[in-house]
Amino acid sequence: MKKTIVLLTGLLTMAAAPALAHFQMIYTPEAALEKAETITLKLVFTHPFEAGHTMDMAAPQEFYVVRKEKKKDLINTLKPITWTSLTNSGKAYETTCKLRGMGDNVFCLVPGPYYEKEEDIYIQQVSKMVVNTAGFPTDWDAEVGLPAEIVPLDKPYALWTGNVFRGIVKSSGKPVPYAEIEVEYMNHKPIMDRNAFAKNAAAEAPQDSFVTMGIKANADGEFSFGIPKAGWWGFCALGVGPAKEHNGKELSQDAVIWVQAHDMK
């Protein structure tokens, strides 16, 4: 009888817990710049909607930027920081990057796999974020050759609130049919000089399923999502990469892309 009560209590606790999703962030305040400038980037592995638990990032395996089809390695520019969420602090990274001229800058991150104790699996979220200067398009729709990748069909930095964002989920360059995709809004503004999330939320979810929204790609790996609010949105295609195991345990190699929308004024 005691075992039954304990089991039921555990199930009820799990049911009551919010549906929080892991998201690897590559964050800078503005994705569409009037002119080239030096920008600061924060790399944080966290739960963006509720500014919840921040995981300790392992040392990144790759970090680079693609501009006009040329790749520039940035891995040696990364500096470790501590990022503070509303519930804890975790190991993260930051860097600065001097942008030049006009065009798109596609920032790409292959983080070290993170061990998720509760699920007894590793998670590796291969992530992209695009910063444009002066409105001149170059590489935003390029496939940069990541093992797990979301290739955008709409400029990820030129979205009005209410626009639809579309993308193709790929694994080793091939579309992933019916890929499962999680979507979250960056609901707490990152405070750059404090390496922390702001306490105030921009939106309130009426129910847990609105915190992490679930969508699926079609048979060709394509998906679409209507942007309901200005700000940063993360899209994470789960387990689509070719690597399935790390250190003898299951590996979820995910593909992440971040897009930014603005209100029309």
Protein backbone atom coordinates (compact mmCIF):
# COMPACT_ATOMS: atom_id res chain seq x y z
CA MET A 1 0.00 0.00 0.00
CA LYS A 2 2.83 2.40 0.89
CA LYS A 3 4.56 1.66 -2.42
CA THR A 4 1.32 2.43 -4.28
CA ILE A 5 0.94 5.77 -2.47
CA VAL A 6 4.55 6.71 -3.23
CA LEU A 7 4.10 5.77 -6.90
CA LEU A 8 0.88 7.77 -7.20
CA THR A 9 2.50 10.74 -5.48
CA GLY A 10 5.39 10.61 -7.94
CA LEU A 11 3.05 10.44 -10.92
CA LEU A 12 1.01 13.36 -9.64
CA THR A 13 4.17 15.38 -9.10
CA MET A 14 5.32 14.66 -12.65
CA ALA A 15 1.91 15.61 -14.02
CA ALA A 16 1.94 18.86 -12.10
CA ALA A 17 5.45 19.84 -13.20
CA PRO A 18 5.66 22.37 -16.04
CA ALA A 19 6.62 21.10 -19.49
CA LEU A 20 10.01 22.79 -19.72
CA ALA A 21 12.23 22.18 -22.72
CA HIS A 22 15.99 22.49 -22.98
CA PHE A 23 17.15 25.17 -25.42
CA GLN A 24 20.70 26.07 -26.36
CA MET A 25 20.79 29.85 -26.74
CA ILE A 26 23.04 31.95 -28.97
CA TYR A 27 21.87 35.38 -27.88
CA THR A 28 22.55 38.96 -28.88
CA PRO A 29 19.96 41.71 -28.38
CA GLU A 30 19.36 42.62 -32.04
CA ALA A 31 19.53 40.46 -35.18
CA ALA A 32 18.92 43.24 -37.74
CA LEU A 33 21.55 45.99 -37.48
CA GLU A 34 21.68 49.26 -39.42
CA LYS A 35 25.43 48.93 -39.86
CA ALA A 36 28.31 46.67 -38.92
CA GLU A 37 29.46 46.91 -35.30
CA THR A 38 31.01 44.82 -32.55
CA ILE A 39 28.39 42.63 -30.91
CA THR A 40 28.34 40.57 -27.72
CA LEU A 41 27.03 37.01 -27.78
CA LYS A 42 25.94 34.83 -24.85
CA LEU A 43 25.86 31.03 -25.13
CA VAL A 44 23.51 29.62 -22.49
CA PHE A 45 21.80 26.22 -22.11
CA THR A 46 18.54 26.88 -20.31
CA HIS A 47 14.72 26.94 -20.30
CA PRO A 48 13.91 30.28 -21.94
CA PHE A 49 10.16 30.70 -21.42
CA GLU A 50 10.24 30.50 -17.64
CA ALA A 51 13.91 31.51 -17.24
CA GLY A 52 14.10 28.24 -15.38
CA HIS A 53 16.93 25.85 -14.60
CA THR A 54 20.18 26.70 -16.42
CA MET A 55 22.36 23.70 -17.21
CA ASP A 56 26.15 23.72 -16.97
CA MET A 57 27.47 23.85 -20.53
CA ALA A 58 30.33 21.54 -21.46
CA ALA A 59 33.15 23.07 -23.47
CA PRO A 60 31.86 23.75 -27.02
CA GLN A 61 33.25 21.51 -29.74
CA GLU A 62 32.77 24.08 -32.51
CA PHE A 63 31.78 27.73 -32.69
CA TYR A 64 32.11 29.74 -35.88
CA VAL A 65 30.45 32.30 -38.11
CA VAL A 66 29.68 31.96 -41.84
CA ARG A 67 29.70 35.16 -43.94
CA LYS A 68 29.53 35.20 -47.72
CA GLU A 69 30.22 31.46 -47.77
CA LYS A 70 33.42 31.87 -45.74
CA LYS A 71 33.78 30.25 -42.33
CA LYS A 72 35.60 31.99 -39.47
CA ASP A 73 36.47 29.97 -36.38
CA LEU A 74 35.52 31.70 -33.11
CA ILE A 75 36.12 28.87 -30.64
CA ASN A 76 39.20 30.51 -29.11
CA THR A 77 37.32 33.76 -28.46
CA LEU A 78 34.90 32.14 -26.01
CA LYS A 79 35.18 33.03 -22.33
CA PRO A 80 33.44 31.11 -19.51
CA ILE A 81 30.77 32.96 -17.52
CA THR A 82 28.13 32.11 -14.95
CA TRP A 83 24.56 32.69 -16.09
CA THR A 84 21.82 33.29 -13.52
CA SER A 85 18.25 32.18 -14.10
CA LEU A 86 15.29 32.68 -11.76
CA THR A 87 16.08 29.38 -10.02
CA ASN A 88 19.84 28.76 -10.22
CA SER A 89 23.13 29.59 -11.92
CA GLY A 90 24.98 27.58 -14.55
CA LYS A 91 28.16 27.54 -16.60
CA ALA A 92 27.88 29.42 -19.89
CA TYR A 93 30.07 31.26 -22.40
CA GLU A 94 30.35 34.69 -23.99
CA THR A 95 32.29 36.38 -26.75
CA THR A 96 32.41 39.53 -28.85
CA CYS A 97 32.54 39.60 -32.62
CA LYS A 98 33.40 42.52 -34.87
CA LEU A 99 31.06 42.48 -37.86
CA ARG A 100 32.19 43.98 -41.15
CA GLY A 101 30.42 45.38 -44.20
CA MET A 102 26.93 44.39 -45.24
CA GLY A 103 25.32 40.96 -45.17
CA ASP A 104 24.38 37.96 -43.06
CA ASN A 105 26.47 36.45 -40.28
CA VAL A 106 25.41 32.88 -39.46
CA PHE A 107 26.65 31.94 -35.99
CA CYS A 108 26.94 28.16 -35.51
CA LEU A 109 27.50 26.24 -32.29
CA VAL A 110 28.21 22.56 -31.71
CA PRO A 111 28.19 22.26 -27.91
CA GLY A 112 29.66 19.41 -25.94
CA PRO A 113 27.00 16.79 -25.07
CA TYR A 114 25.15 17.48 -21.81
CA TYR A 115 24.27 14.59 -19.51
CA GLU A 116 20.64 14.77 -18.38
CA LYS A 117 20.53 12.72 -15.17
CA GLU A 118 16.74 12.53 -14.90
CA GLU A 119 16.45 10.88 -18.32
CA ASP A 120 19.87 9.16 -18.27
CA ILE A 121 20.66 10.47 -21.76
CA TYR A 122 22.97 12.99 -23.39
CA ILE A 123 21.67 16.06 -25.21
CA GLN A 124 23.59 17.95 -27.88
CA GLN A 125 21.79 20.93 -29.41
CA VAL A 126 23.49 22.06 -32.62
CA SER A 127 22.42 25.69 -32.87
CA LYS A 128 22.26 28.59 -35.35
CA MET A 129 21.47 32.31 -35.13
CA VAL A 130 21.76 34.92 -37.89
CA VAL A 131 22.71 38.59 -37.52
CA ASN A 132 22.29 40.86 -40.56
CA THR A 133 23.91 44.21 -41.21
CA ALA A 134 22.42 46.95 -43.41
CA GLY A 135 19.61 44.75 -44.79
CA PHE A 136 21.76 43.13 -47.49
CA PRO A 137 20.95 39.39 -47.69
CA THR A 138 23.74 36.87 -48.28
CA ASP A 139 23.85 33.60 -46.29
CA TRP A 140 20.59 33.47 -44.29
CA ASP A 141 19.16 30.54 -46.30
CA ALA A 142 22.45 28.69 -46.76
CA GLU A 143 22.92 25.14 -45.56
CA VAL A 144 26.15 25.37 -43.59
CA GLY A 145 26.78 21.64 -43.22
CA LEU A 146 25.95 21.04 -39.56
CA PRO A 147 25.12 17.42 -38.66
CA ALA A 148 21.68 18.52 -37.45
CA GLU A 149 20.39 21.73 -39.00
CA ILE A 150 17.28 23.83 -39.53
CA VAL A 151 17.55 25.64 -42.87
CA PRO A 152 15.29 28.72 -42.85
CA LEU A 153 12.87 29.45 -45.69
CA ASP A 154 12.21 32.96 -44.34
CA LYS A 155 14.77 35.51 -43.18
CA PRO A 156 15.11 34.77 -39.45
CA TYR A 157 15.94 38.42 -38.66
CA ALA A 158 13.27 40.14 -40.81
CA LEU A 159 9.97 39.00 -39.31
CA TRP A 160 7.07 41.21 -38.30
CA THR A 161 4.87 40.02 -35.47
CA GLY A 162 2.24 37.90 -37.18
CA ASN A 163 4.53 36.69 -39.96
CA VAL A 164 5.02 32.97 -40.55
CA PHE A 165 8.46 31.45 -40.09
CA ARG A 166 9.25 28.37 -42.19
CA GLY A 167 12.18 26.00 -42.17
CA ILE A 168 13.46 22.60 -43.29
CA VAL A 169 14.83 20.13 -40.74
CA LYS A 170 17.88 18.29 -42.04
CA SER A 171 20.19 15.51 -40.85
CA SER A 172 23.55 15.30 -42.62
CA GLY A 173 22.03 17.40 -45.39
CA LYS A 174 18.92 15.27 -45.90
CA PRO A 175 15.36 16.36 -44.93
CA VAL A 176 13.88 14.65 -41.87
CA PRO A 177 10.25 13.63 -42.48
CA TYR A 178 7.79 14.38 -39.67
CA ALA A 179 10.49 15.72 -37.36
CA GLU A 180 9.24 16.63 -33.88
CA ILE A 181 9.89 20.30 -33.11
CA GLU A 182 9.63 22.18 -29.84
CA VAL A 183 9.03 25.94 -29.89
CA GLU A 184 9.64 28.37 -27.02
CA TYR A 185 9.51 32.12 -26.58
CA MET A 186 12.34 33.93 -24.77
CA ASN A 187 9.95 35.26 -22.16
CA HIS A 188 12.47 36.91 -19.83
CA LYS A 189 14.83 39.49 -21.32
CA PRO A 190 18.52 38.64 -20.92
CA ILE A 191 20.40 41.36 -19.03
CA MET A 192 23.73 41.42 -20.81
CA ASP A 193 25.88 43.18 -18.21
CA ARG A 194 24.57 40.99 -15.38
CA ASN A 195 24.60 37.64 -17.21
CA ALA A 196 21.08 36.99 -15.97
CA PHE A 197 17.43 36.86 -16.99
CA ALA A 198 15.11 39.69 -16.00
CA LYS A 199 12.56 38.68 -13.36
CA ASN A 200 9.57 40.13 -15.20
CA ALA A 201 7.97 37.95 -17.87
CA ALA A 202 6.66 39.34 -21.16
CA ALA A 203 3.81 36.83 -21.40
CA GLU A 204 1.87 34.39 -19.24
CA ALA A 205 1.04 30.88 -20.40
CA PRO A 206 -2.57 29.84 -19.72
CA GLN A 207 -1.48 26.19 -19.41
CA ASP A 208 1.75 24.17 -19.53
CA SER A 209 1.35 23.14 -23.19
CA PHE A 210 1.76 26.82 -24.13
CA VAL A 211 5.18 27.00 -22.46
CA THR A 212 6.78 24.54 -24.85
CA MET A 213 4.69 24.27 -28.00
CA GLY A 214 4.95 21.14 -30.11
CA ILE A 215 4.72 21.10 -33.90
CA LYS A 216 5.78 18.58 -36.56
CA ALA A 217 7.43 18.85 -39.92
CA ASN A 218 5.72 17.42 -42.99
CA ALA A 219 6.90 14.53 -45.15
CA ASP A 220 9.57 16.77 -46.71
CA GLY A 221 10.93 17.98 -43.38
CA GLU A 222 9.30 21.41 -43.77
CA PHE A 223 7.46 23.25 -40.99
CA SER A 224 5.81 26.62 -40.45
CA PHE A 225 4.91 28.65 -37.37
CA GLY A 226 2.99 31.91 -37.01
CA ILE A 227 4.86 34.39 -34.78
CA PRO A 228 2.33 35.77 -32.24
CA LYS A 229 4.61 38.13 -30.29
CA ALA A 230 7.68 40.28 -30.84
CA GLY A 231 10.97 38.98 -29.50
CA TRP A 232 13.17 35.92 -29.85
CA TRP A 233 11.76 32.47 -30.66
CA GLY A 234 13.61 29.17 -30.49
CA PHE A 235 12.88 26.11 -32.66
CA CYS A 236 14.36 22.76 -31.64
CA ALA A 237 14.06 19.63 -33.82
CA LEU A 238 14.50 16.70 -31.44
CA GLY A 239 16.91 13.82 -32.06
CA VAL A 240 17.31 14.47 -35.78
CA GLY A 241 21.13 14.30 -35.97
CA PRO A 242 23.03 11.20 -37.14
CA ALA A 243 24.80 10.65 -33.80
CA LYS A 244 22.66 8.50 -31.49
CA GLU A 245 25.07 7.48 -28.71
CA HIS A 246 27.66 9.11 -26.45
CA ASN A 247 29.68 7.46 -23.66
CA GLY A 248 27.59 4.32 -24.02
CA LYS A 249 24.30 6.15 -23.49
CA GLU A 250 21.55 7.47 -25.75
CA LEU A 251 22.29 10.82 -27.40
CA SER A 252 19.61 13.24 -28.59
CA GLN A 253 21.37 15.32 -31.24
CA ASP A 254 18.96 18.20 -31.83
CA ALA A 255 18.87 21.07 -34.34
CA VAL A 256 18.12 24.58 -33.01
CA ILE A 257 17.55 27.91 -34.73
CA TRP A 258 16.66 31.28 -33.19
CA VAL A 259 14.58 33.95 -34.96
CA GLN A 260 13.57 37.46 -33.95
CA ALA A 261 10.30 39.27 -34.69
CA HIS A 262 9.45 42.96 -34.36
CA ASP A 263 6.17 44.79 -33.90
CA MET A 264 5.07 46.98 -36.80
CA LYS A 265 4.78 50.59 -35.59
